[in-house]
Amino acid sequence: MSIDLLNTLEQIHTTPLGIERIRRNLGLADQIDVVAWCKDKIREADHIVRQGKNWYVHIGHVSITVNASSLTIITAHKSKKG
């Protein structure tokens, strides 16, 4: 259930390479805290679903992928739809 991800929001993190990847994929400015930005988007999510080992979070035209075991943000990108 998506409530599981929301209950562990404070534990969500990413790697330095993950920060670079997300920043590049979404075109975020250098001064933006990428992890905080993703957590805010997760809180406001339109749709959260767990498929296998990952959570997939959708809000507007952004998709965020979080590993369910480690709670690591793997990637985020602009949705191809819409």
C-alpha atoms as a PDB file:
ATOM      1  CA  MET A   1       0.000   0.000   0.000  1.00  0.00           C
ATOM      2  CA  SER A   2       1.175   3.512  -0.745  1.00  0.00           C
ATOM      3  CA  ILE A   3       0.691   4.369   2.922  1.00  0.00           C
ATOM      4  CA  ASP A   4       3.792   2.211   3.607  1.00  0.00           C
ATOM      5  CA  LEU A   5       5.925   4.530   1.479  1.00  0.00           C
ATOM      6  CA  LEU A   6       4.420   7.646   3.054  1.00  0.00           C
ATOM      7  CA  ASN A   7       5.097   6.277   6.563  1.00  0.00           C
ATOM      8  CA  THR A   8       8.796   5.858   5.735  1.00  0.00           C
ATOM      9  CA  LEU A   9       9.228   9.177   3.948  1.00  0.00           C
ATOM     10  CA  GLU A  10      11.907  10.461   6.329  1.00  0.00           C
ATOM     11  CA  GLN A  11      14.113   7.444   5.519  1.00  0.00           C
ATOM     12  CA  ILE A  12      14.065   8.066   1.771  1.00  0.00           C
ATOM     13  CA  HIS A  13      17.445   9.058   0.339  1.00  0.00           C
ATOM     14  CA  THR A  14      19.557   8.760  -2.786  1.00  0.00           C
ATOM     15  CA  THR A  15      23.190   8.491  -3.822  1.00  0.00           C
ATOM     16  CA  PRO A  16      25.369  11.301  -5.192  1.00  0.00           C
ATOM     17  CA  LEU A  17      24.996   9.773  -8.663  1.00  0.00           C
ATOM     18  CA  GLY A  18      21.250   9.586  -8.110  1.00  0.00           C
ATOM     19  CA  ILE A  19      21.179  13.305  -7.319  1.00  0.00           C
ATOM     20  CA  GLU A  20      23.016  14.071 -10.561  1.00  0.00           C
ATOM     21  CA  ARG A  21      20.735  11.771 -12.582  1.00  0.00           C
ATOM     22  CA  ILE A  22      17.517  13.229 -11.146  1.00  0.00           C
ATOM     23  CA  ARG A  23      18.750  16.805 -11.535  1.00  0.00           C
ATOM     24  CA  ARG A  24      19.661  16.140 -15.191  1.00  0.00           C
ATOM     25  CA  ASN A  25      16.447  14.233 -16.008  1.00  0.00           C
ATOM     26  CA  LEU A  26      14.178  16.900 -14.534  1.00  0.00           C
ATOM     27  CA  GLY A  27      16.266  19.974 -15.297  1.00  0.00           C
ATOM     28  CA  LEU A  28      16.451  21.008 -11.631  1.00  0.00           C
ATOM     29  CA  ALA A  29      18.698  23.910 -10.613  1.00  0.00           C
ATOM     30  CA  ASP A  30      21.874  23.208  -8.635  1.00  0.00           C
ATOM     31  CA  GLN A  31      20.600  24.978  -5.513  1.00  0.00           C
ATOM     32  CA  ILE A  32      17.554  22.673  -5.191  1.00  0.00           C
ATOM     33  CA  ASP A  33      17.784  19.904  -2.562  1.00  0.00           C
ATOM     34  CA  VAL A  34      16.856  16.963  -4.796  1.00  0.00           C
ATOM     35  CA  VAL A  35      15.888  14.578  -1.983  1.00  0.00           C
ATOM     36  CA  ALA A  36      13.653  17.171  -0.292  1.00  0.00           C
ATOM     37  CA  TRP A  37      12.109  18.020  -3.685  1.00  0.00           C
ATOM     38  CA  CYS A  38      11.327  14.339  -4.328  1.00  0.00           C
ATOM     39  CA  LYS A  39       9.886  13.877  -0.824  1.00  0.00           C
ATOM     40  CA  ASP A  40       7.574  16.855  -1.392  1.00  0.00           C
ATOM     41  CA  LYS A  41       6.416  15.335  -4.687  1.00  0.00           C
ATOM     42  CA  ILE A  42       5.818  11.965  -3.001  1.00  0.00           C
ATOM     43  CA  ARG A  43       3.656  13.678  -0.361  1.00  0.00           C
ATOM     44  CA  GLU A  44       1.583  15.314  -3.142  1.00  0.00           C
ATOM     45  CA  ALA A  45       1.465  12.230  -5.392  1.00  0.00           C
ATOM     46  CA  ASP A  46      -1.462  11.566  -7.708  1.00  0.00           C
ATOM     47  CA  HIS A  47      -0.707   7.852  -7.789  1.00  0.00           C
ATOM     48  CA  ILE A  48       1.695   5.550  -5.915  1.00  0.00           C
ATOM     49  CA  VAL A  49       2.018   1.878  -6.773  1.00  0.00           C
ATOM     50  CA  ARG A  50       4.401  -0.864  -5.749  1.00  0.00           C
ATOM     51  CA  GLN A  51       5.464  -3.229  -8.471  1.00  0.00           C
ATOM     52  CA  GLY A  52       7.964  -5.870  -7.434  1.00  0.00           C
ATOM     53  CA  LYS A  53      10.948  -4.312  -5.695  1.00  0.00           C
ATOM     54  CA  ASN A  54      10.104  -0.681  -6.501  1.00  0.00           C
ATOM     55  CA  TRP A  55       7.609   2.030  -5.689  1.00  0.00           C
ATOM     56  CA  TYR A  56       6.483   4.150  -8.648  1.00  0.00           C
ATOM     57  CA  VAL A  57       5.241   7.617  -7.765  1.00  0.00           C
ATOM     58  CA  HIS A  58       3.388   9.747 -10.315  1.00  0.00           C
ATOM     59  CA  ILE A  59       2.554  13.414  -9.921  1.00  0.00           C
ATOM     60  CA  GLY A  60       1.676  15.588 -12.853  1.00  0.00           C
ATOM     61  CA  HIS A  61       4.252  14.927 -15.541  1.00  0.00           C
ATOM     62  CA  VAL A  62       6.882  13.507 -13.175  1.00  0.00           C
ATOM     63  CA  SER A  63       7.574   9.885 -12.218  1.00  0.00           C
ATOM     64  CA  ILE A  64       9.815   8.930  -9.303  1.00  0.00           C
ATOM     65  CA  THR A  65      11.134   5.396  -8.726  1.00  0.00           C
ATOM     66  CA  VAL A  66      12.047   4.334  -5.172  1.00  0.00           C
ATOM     67  CA  ASN A  67      13.545   0.979  -4.193  1.00  0.00           C
ATOM     68  CA  ALA A  68      11.124  -0.555  -1.682  1.00  0.00           C
ATOM     69  CA  SER A  69      13.790  -2.312   0.424  1.00  0.00           C
ATOM     70  CA  SER A  70      16.474   0.355   0.720  1.00  0.00           C
ATOM     71  CA  LEU A  71      14.162   3.374   0.253  1.00  0.00           C
ATOM     72  CA  THR A  72      16.668   4.788  -2.229  1.00  0.00           C
ATOM     73  CA  ILE A  73      15.364   7.099  -4.927  1.00  0.00           C
ATOM     74  CA  ILE A  74      16.615   5.349  -8.037  1.00  0.00           C
ATOM     75  CA  THR A  75      15.537   7.877 -10.607  1.00  0.00           C
ATOM     76  CA  ALA A  76      12.982  10.506 -11.510  1.00  0.00           C
ATOM     77  CA  HIS A  77      11.988  11.655 -14.942  1.00  0.00           C
ATOM     78  CA  LYS A  78       9.385  13.536 -16.870  1.00  0.00           C
ATOM     79  CA  SER A  79       6.544  11.229 -17.888  1.00  0.00           C
ATOM     80  CA  LYS A  80       6.348  10.460 -21.566  1.00  0.00           C
ATOM     81  CA  LYS A  81       2.538  10.568 -21.497  1.00  0.00           C
ATOM     82  CA  GLY A  82       0.513  13.752 -21.645  1.00  0.00           C
END
